[in-house]
């Protein structure tokens, strides 16, 4: 999932370290999110959304994936 975190961080003149401190995560977490190597938890996504005053949908770009039709899904009831 792509995102606009790096662009918004630069726009707000935050370093990765400053953003990490504001979010309560490590600088490495911010780096991994910006590099699209880590998808944040829903809680962290909401914190990013609030901090940048942007909707989650505007922060993260979800690429559609192929969905397995229901008749191929096995039920384990």
Foldseek 3Di string as FASTA:
>chain_A
DAFCLVVLCVVVPHDLCRVCVQLVHHSVVSVCVNVVNDDDDPVSLVSSCVVSVHDSCRGDPDDDDDDDPPVPDDDDD
